[in-house]
Amino acid sequence: MSSSDPTVQPVPASVVEQVDAADVTLSNPKRAVISLGSNLGNRLETLQGAIDALEDTPGLRVKAVSPVYETEPWGVEAGSQPSYFNAVVLVRTTLPPDSLLERGHAIEEAFERVRDERWGPRTLDVDIVAYQDVISDDPALTLPHPRAHERAFVLAPWHDVDPEAVVPGRGAVAELLAGIGLNGVEARTDLELRLPE
């Protein structure tokens, strides 16, 4: 039998979009962008553990995981702290932003994150960078993240997993990244984070 079966037609994009739209209204998941960082202990293992913990969250699915970037720590003397490993994950979730934030803090605590000094070293940082197109200046959770648009260690991995991404109220990730450059941020092509099974 010929493999070019005329009854097998590619599904038109418009139909795929309708199916996806129907799916969204069904359980109504929201898109969120989460940035991860670690500069203590086994940094790669910690980031992977955080991704797995996100996937284990009820009402949340990890959809994409960025490459790993290595970044010099912010706001501290050069060489005074280990460098960071950073990554960005795209998720779909039915959790509202405040519940997502609570989950992020719980994951940080599971990795024994200590918040004793600003810009201090940390085993794990879990930050909500963006949630749908929400713009909010709630002090408990500012959306999008107030400094995401000026941080290459957020923009570069985000651009890798979503080249068309936009920081709500700030503009296209590609343009923001072009404006600040990759100074102090290095892609670690020798390291890899996995999407959870």
C-alpha atoms as a PDB file:
ATOM      1  CA  MET A   1       0.000   0.000   0.000  1.00  0.00           C
ATOM      2  CA  SER A   2       1.246   3.428  -0.922  1.00  0.00           C
ATOM      3  CA  SER A   3       2.185   5.647   1.994  1.00  0.00           C
ATOM      4  CA  SER A   4       0.687   8.671   0.211  1.00  0.00           C
ATOM      5  CA  ASP A   5      -2.828   7.926   1.398  1.00  0.00           C
ATOM      6  CA  PRO A   6      -5.063  10.667  -0.116  1.00  0.00           C
ATOM      7  CA  THR A   7      -7.443  10.484   2.877  1.00  0.00           C
ATOM      8  CA  VAL A   8      -4.682  11.659   5.235  1.00  0.00           C
ATOM      9  CA  GLN A   9      -4.670  15.434   4.936  1.00  0.00           C
ATOM     10  CA  PRO A  10      -2.735  17.846   7.143  1.00  0.00           C
ATOM     11  CA  VAL A  11      -5.065  19.550   9.603  1.00  0.00           C
ATOM     12  CA  PRO A  12      -5.502  23.211   8.611  1.00  0.00           C
ATOM     13  CA  ALA A  13      -4.003  25.669  11.080  1.00  0.00           C
ATOM     14  CA  SER A  14      -7.404  27.347  11.559  1.00  0.00           C
ATOM     15  CA  VAL A  15      -8.870  24.039  12.769  1.00  0.00           C
ATOM     16  CA  VAL A  16      -5.926  23.462  15.115  1.00  0.00           C
ATOM     17  CA  GLU A  17      -6.467  26.963  16.518  1.00  0.00           C
ATOM     18  CA  GLN A  18     -10.173  26.292  17.039  1.00  0.00           C
ATOM     19  CA  VAL A  19      -9.405  23.030  18.838  1.00  0.00           C
ATOM     20  CA  ASP A  20      -6.807  24.771  20.988  1.00  0.00           C
ATOM     21  CA  ALA A  21      -9.230  27.614  21.720  1.00  0.00           C
ATOM     22  CA  ALA A  22     -11.932  25.133  22.698  1.00  0.00           C
ATOM     23  CA  ASP A  23      -9.438  23.382  24.941  1.00  0.00           C
ATOM     24  CA  VAL A  24      -8.520  26.662  26.617  1.00  0.00           C
ATOM     25  CA  THR A  25     -12.151  27.493  27.383  1.00  0.00           C
ATOM     26  CA  LEU A  26     -12.628  23.977  28.735  1.00  0.00           C
ATOM     27  CA  SER A  27     -10.201  24.136  31.629  1.00  0.00           C
ATOM     28  CA  ASN A  28      -9.109  27.727  30.967  1.00  0.00           C
ATOM     29  CA  PRO A  29      -5.364  27.419  31.614  1.00  0.00           C
ATOM     30  CA  LYS A  30      -3.321  30.620  31.618  1.00  0.00           C
ATOM     31  CA  ARG A  31       0.154  31.138  30.192  1.00  0.00           C
ATOM     32  CA  ALA A  32       2.882  32.062  32.623  1.00  0.00           C
ATOM     33  CA  VAL A  33       6.626  32.594  32.342  1.00  0.00           C
ATOM     34  CA  ILE A  34       8.774  31.571  35.302  1.00  0.00           C
ATOM     35  CA  SER A  35      12.451  32.328  35.702  1.00  0.00           C
ATOM     36  CA  LEU A  36      14.724  30.060  37.742  1.00  0.00           C
ATOM     37  CA  GLY A  37      18.140  30.839  39.171  1.00  0.00           C
ATOM     38  CA  SER A  38      20.633  29.077  41.425  1.00  0.00           C
ATOM     39  CA  ASN A  39      24.158  29.889  42.576  1.00  0.00           C
ATOM     40  CA  LEU A  40      24.720  27.485  45.481  1.00  0.00           C
ATOM     41  CA  GLY A  41      25.162  23.716  45.609  1.00  0.00           C
ATOM     42  CA  ASN A  42      24.548  21.602  42.505  1.00  0.00           C
ATOM     43  CA  ARG A  43      23.008  24.381  40.447  1.00  0.00           C
ATOM     44  CA  LEU A  44      21.889  22.286  37.470  1.00  0.00           C
ATOM     45  CA  GLU A  45      20.344  19.615  39.694  1.00  0.00           C
ATOM     46  CA  THR A  46      18.523  22.309  41.666  1.00  0.00           C
ATOM     47  CA  LEU A  47      17.059  23.894  38.521  1.00  0.00           C
ATOM     48  CA  GLN A  48      15.929  20.493  37.258  1.00  0.00           C
ATOM     49  CA  GLY A  49      14.406  19.744  40.671  1.00  0.00           C
ATOM     50  CA  ALA A  50      12.473  23.014  40.525  1.00  0.00           C
ATOM     51  CA  ILE A  51      11.155  22.197  37.025  1.00  0.00           C
ATOM     52  CA  ASP A  52      10.050  18.749  38.220  1.00  0.00           C
ATOM     53  CA  ALA A  53       8.395  20.306  41.295  1.00  0.00           C
ATOM     54  CA  LEU A  54       6.509  22.756  39.071  1.00  0.00           C
ATOM     55  CA  GLU A  55       5.304  19.869  36.904  1.00  0.00           C
ATOM     56  CA  ASP A  56       4.148  18.046  40.061  1.00  0.00           C
ATOM     57  CA  THR A  57       1.960  21.038  40.984  1.00  0.00           C
ATOM     58  CA  PRO A  58      -1.762  20.310  40.547  1.00  0.00           C
ATOM     59  CA  GLY A  59      -3.216  22.578  37.872  1.00  0.00           C
ATOM     60  CA  LEU A  60       0.150  23.298  36.258  1.00  0.00           C
ATOM     61  CA  ARG A  61       1.937  21.877  33.208  1.00  0.00           C
ATOM     62  CA  VAL A  62       5.454  22.754  32.107  1.00  0.00           C
ATOM     63  CA  LYS A  63       5.318  23.379  28.343  1.00  0.00           C
ATOM     64  CA  ALA A  64       8.869  24.477  27.509  1.00  0.00           C
ATOM     65  CA  VAL A  65      12.257  24.646  29.221  1.00  0.00           C
ATOM     66  CA  SER A  66      14.958  27.029  28.035  1.00  0.00           C
ATOM     67  CA  PRO A  67      18.671  26.397  27.629  1.00  0.00           C
ATOM     68  CA  VAL A  68      20.847  27.146  30.669  1.00  0.00           C
ATOM     69  CA  TYR A  69      22.648  30.481  30.958  1.00  0.00           C
ATOM     70  CA  GLU A  70      25.491  31.314  33.323  1.00  0.00           C
ATOM     71  CA  THR A  71      25.380  34.800  34.814  1.00  0.00           C
ATOM     72  CA  GLU A  72      27.556  36.835  37.128  1.00  0.00           C
ATOM     73  CA  PRO A  73      25.647  37.759  40.343  1.00  0.00           C
ATOM     74  CA  TRP A  74      23.941  41.163  40.469  1.00  0.00           C
ATOM     75  CA  GLY A  75      24.678  43.969  42.884  1.00  0.00           C
ATOM     76  CA  VAL A  76      27.732  42.328  44.510  1.00  0.00           C
ATOM     77  CA  GLU A  77      31.493  42.540  44.205  1.00  0.00           C
ATOM     78  CA  ALA A  78      32.874  40.418  41.344  1.00  0.00           C
ATOM     79  CA  GLY A  79      34.127  37.040  42.546  1.00  0.00           C
ATOM     80  CA  SER A  80      32.423  37.329  45.954  1.00  0.00           C
ATOM     81  CA  GLN A  81      29.737  34.768  45.006  1.00  0.00           C
ATOM     82  CA  PRO A  82      29.515  31.808  42.631  1.00  0.00           C
ATOM     83  CA  SER A  83      27.931  32.541  39.257  1.00  0.00           C
ATOM     84  CA  TYR A  84      24.269  31.776  38.668  1.00  0.00           C
ATOM     85  CA  PHE A  85      22.709  29.214  36.416  1.00  0.00           C
ATOM     86  CA  ASN A  86      19.515  30.690  34.976  1.00  0.00           C
ATOM     87  CA  ALA A  87      16.671  29.268  32.919  1.00  0.00           C
ATOM     88  CA  VAL A  88      13.109  30.143  31.942  1.00  0.00           C
ATOM     89  CA  VAL A  89      10.133  27.790  31.830  1.00  0.00           C
ATOM     90  CA  LEU A  90       6.841  28.346  30.062  1.00  0.00           C
ATOM     91  CA  VAL A  91       3.867  26.880  31.879  1.00  0.00           C
ATOM     92  CA  ARG A  92       0.125  26.614  31.478  1.00  0.00           C
ATOM     93  CA  THR A  93      -1.758  26.770  34.731  1.00  0.00           C
ATOM     94  CA  THR A  94      -5.220  27.075  36.202  1.00  0.00           C
ATOM     95  CA  LEU A  95      -3.714  28.592  39.370  1.00  0.00           C
ATOM     96  CA  PRO A  96      -4.260  32.319  39.902  1.00  0.00           C
ATOM     97  CA  PRO A  97      -1.049  34.407  40.162  1.00  0.00           C
ATOM     98  CA  ASP A  98      -1.014  34.545  43.991  1.00  0.00           C
ATOM     99  CA  SER A  99      -1.298  30.749  44.257  1.00  0.00           C
ATOM    100  CA  LEU A 100       1.443  30.366  41.654  1.00  0.00           C
ATOM    101  CA  LEU A 101       3.625  32.708  43.727  1.00  0.00           C
ATOM    102  CA  GLU A 102       2.940  30.650  46.885  1.00  0.00           C
ATOM    103  CA  ARG A 103       3.930  27.509  45.016  1.00  0.00           C
ATOM    104  CA  GLY A 104       7.132  29.205  43.840  1.00  0.00           C
ATOM    105  CA  HIS A 105       8.006  30.130  47.429  1.00  0.00           C
ATOM    106  CA  ALA A 106       7.237  26.597  48.618  1.00  0.00           C
ATOM    107  CA  ILE A 107       9.584  25.174  45.968  1.00  0.00           C
ATOM    108  CA  GLU A 108      12.293  27.646  47.014  1.00  0.00           C
ATOM    109  CA  GLU A 109      11.857  26.578  50.634  1.00  0.00           C
ATOM    110  CA  ALA A 110      12.048  22.913  49.663  1.00  0.00           C
ATOM    111  CA  PHE A 111      15.529  23.722  48.336  1.00  0.00           C
ATOM    112  CA  GLU A 112      16.344  25.568  51.579  1.00  0.00           C
ATOM    113  CA  ARG A 113      16.360  29.039  50.082  1.00  0.00           C
ATOM    114  CA  VAL A 114      17.441  31.600  52.682  1.00  0.00           C
ATOM    115  CA  ARG A 115      16.304  35.223  52.313  1.00  0.00           C
ATOM    116  CA  ASP A 116      18.750  36.919  54.658  1.00  0.00           C
ATOM    117  CA  GLU A 117      20.310  39.519  52.379  1.00  0.00           C
ATOM    118  CA  ARG A 118      19.221  41.307  49.233  1.00  0.00           C
ATOM    119  CA  TRP A 119      21.121  39.927  46.246  1.00  0.00           C
ATOM    120  CA  GLY A 120      22.611  37.323  48.586  1.00  0.00           C
ATOM    121  CA  PRO A 121      23.585  33.899  47.261  1.00  0.00           C
ATOM    122  CA  ARG A 122      20.707  31.467  47.000  1.00  0.00           C
ATOM    123  CA  THR A 123      20.149  27.834  46.270  1.00  0.00           C
ATOM    124  CA  LEU A 124      17.049  28.672  44.277  1.00  0.00           C
ATOM    125  CA  ASP A 125      15.124  31.646  42.949  1.00  0.00           C
ATOM    126  CA  VAL A 126      11.664  31.079  41.449  1.00  0.00           C
ATOM    127  CA  ASP A 127      10.235  34.286  39.938  1.00  0.00           C
ATOM    128  CA  ILE A 128       7.007  34.795  38.028  1.00  0.00           C
ATOM    129  CA  VAL A 129       8.119  36.932  35.096  1.00  0.00           C
ATOM    130  CA  ALA A 130       4.747  37.227  33.369  1.00  0.00           C
ATOM    131  CA  TYR A 131       1.221  35.847  33.692  1.00  0.00           C
ATOM    132  CA  GLN A 132      -0.869  36.094  30.510  1.00  0.00           C
ATOM    133  CA  ASP A 133      -0.918  39.801  29.626  1.00  0.00           C
ATOM    134  CA  VAL A 134      -1.576  40.892  33.205  1.00  0.00           C
ATOM    135  CA  ILE A 135      -0.108  44.223  34.297  1.00  0.00           C
ATOM    136  CA  SER A 136      -0.383  44.733  38.048  1.00  0.00           C
ATOM    137  CA  ASP A 137       1.534  46.843  40.578  1.00  0.00           C
ATOM    138  CA  ASP A 138       0.408  44.804  43.573  1.00  0.00           C
ATOM    139  CA  PRO A 139       3.423  44.974  45.943  1.00  0.00           C
ATOM    140  CA  ALA A 140       3.007  41.268  46.809  1.00  0.00           C
ATOM    141  CA  LEU A 141       3.355  40.303  43.140  1.00  0.00           C
ATOM    142  CA  THR A 142       4.160  42.923  40.514  1.00  0.00           C
ATOM    143  CA  LEU A 143       3.371  41.736  36.987  1.00  0.00           C
ATOM    144  CA  PRO A 144       5.230  41.565  34.763  1.00  0.00           C
ATOM    145  CA  HIS A 145       8.328  41.245  36.967  1.00  0.00           C
ATOM    146  CA  PRO A 146       9.486  44.850  37.516  1.00  0.00           C
ATOM    147  CA  ARG A 147      13.062  44.244  36.320  1.00  0.00           C
ATOM    148  CA  ALA A 148      12.569  41.451  33.781  1.00  0.00           C
ATOM    149  CA  HIS A 149      12.780  43.838  30.822  1.00  0.00           C
ATOM    150  CA  GLU A 150      16.307  44.912  31.779  1.00  0.00           C
ATOM    151  CA  ARG A 151      17.771  41.514  32.657  1.00  0.00           C
ATOM    152  CA  ALA A 152      19.477  39.530  29.926  1.00  0.00           C
ATOM    153  CA  PHE A 153      19.463  36.398  32.111  1.00  0.00           C
ATOM    154  CA  VAL A 154      15.652  36.453  31.888  1.00  0.00           C
ATOM    155  CA  LEU A 155      15.226  37.787  28.340  1.00  0.00           C
ATOM    156  CA  ALA A 156      17.794  35.531  26.622  1.00  0.00           C
ATOM    157  CA  PRO A 157      16.388  32.168  27.783  1.00  0.00           C
ATOM    158  CA  TRP A 158      12.813  33.466  27.364  1.00  0.00           C
ATOM    159  CA  HIS A 159      13.605  34.452  23.768  1.00  0.00           C
ATOM    160  CA  ASP A 160      15.045  30.967  23.155  1.00  0.00           C
ATOM    161  CA  VAL A 161      11.771  29.246  24.053  1.00  0.00           C
ATOM    162  CA  ASP A 162       9.441  31.919  22.657  1.00  0.00           C
ATOM    163  CA  PRO A 163      11.044  34.177  20.011  1.00  0.00           C
ATOM    164  CA  GLU A 164       7.778  36.116  19.574  1.00  0.00           C
ATOM    165  CA  ALA A 165       7.355  36.785  23.303  1.00  0.00           C
ATOM    166  CA  VAL A 166       6.319  40.206  24.587  1.00  0.00           C
ATOM    167  CA  VAL A 167       6.871  41.624  28.079  1.00  0.00           C
ATOM    168  CA  PRO A 168       3.409  43.104  28.845  1.00  0.00           C
ATOM    169  CA  GLY A 169       3.613  46.900  28.750  1.00  0.00           C
ATOM    170  CA  ARG A 170       7.338  46.833  27.843  1.00  0.00           C
ATOM    171  CA  GLY A 171       7.590  45.439  24.320  1.00  0.00           C
ATOM    172  CA  ALA A 172       9.018  42.514  22.396  1.00  0.00           C
ATOM    173  CA  VAL A 173      11.566  40.379  24.231  1.00  0.00           C
ATOM    174  CA  ALA A 174      13.748  40.289  21.079  1.00  0.00           C
ATOM    175  CA  GLU A 175      13.936  44.091  20.940  1.00  0.00           C
ATOM    176  CA  LEU A 176      14.518  44.488  24.685  1.00  0.00           C
ATOM    177  CA  LEU A 177      17.310  41.909  24.509  1.00  0.00           C
ATOM    178  CA  ALA A 178      18.890  43.618  21.478  1.00  0.00           C
ATOM    179  CA  GLY A 179      18.855  46.857  23.459  1.00  0.00           C
ATOM    180  CA  ILE A 180      20.738  45.515  26.499  1.00  0.00           C
ATOM    181  CA  GLY A 181      22.921  42.814  24.901  1.00  0.00           C
ATOM    182  CA  LEU A 182      24.302  39.642  26.425  1.00  0.00           C
ATOM    183  CA  ASN A 183      27.078  41.157  28.496  1.00  0.00           C
ATOM    184  CA  GLY A 184      27.795  38.965  31.537  1.00  0.00           C
ATOM    185  CA  VAL A 185      25.393  36.243  30.350  1.00  0.00           C
ATOM    186  CA  GLU A 186      26.754  33.114  28.704  1.00  0.00           C
ATOM    187  CA  ALA A 187      24.789  30.274  27.101  1.00  0.00           C
ATOM    188  CA  ARG A 188      25.926  26.941  28.583  1.00  0.00           C
ATOM    189  CA  THR A 189      25.390  24.682  25.583  1.00  0.00           C
ATOM    190  CA  ASP A 190      27.121  21.851  27.469  1.00  0.00           C
ATOM    191  CA  LEU A 191      24.283  21.723  30.030  1.00  0.00           C
ATOM    192  CA  GLU A 192      20.705  20.671  29.511  1.00  0.00           C
ATOM    193  CA  LEU A 193      17.479  20.790  31.470  1.00  0.00           C
ATOM    194  CA  ARG A 194      14.764  18.272  30.602  1.00  0.00           C
ATOM    195  CA  LEU A 195      11.056  18.726  30.179  1.00  0.00           C
ATOM    196  CA  PRO A 196       9.426  16.529  32.839  1.00  0.00           C
ATOM    197  CA  GLU A 197       8.210  13.145  31.542  1.00  0.00           C
END
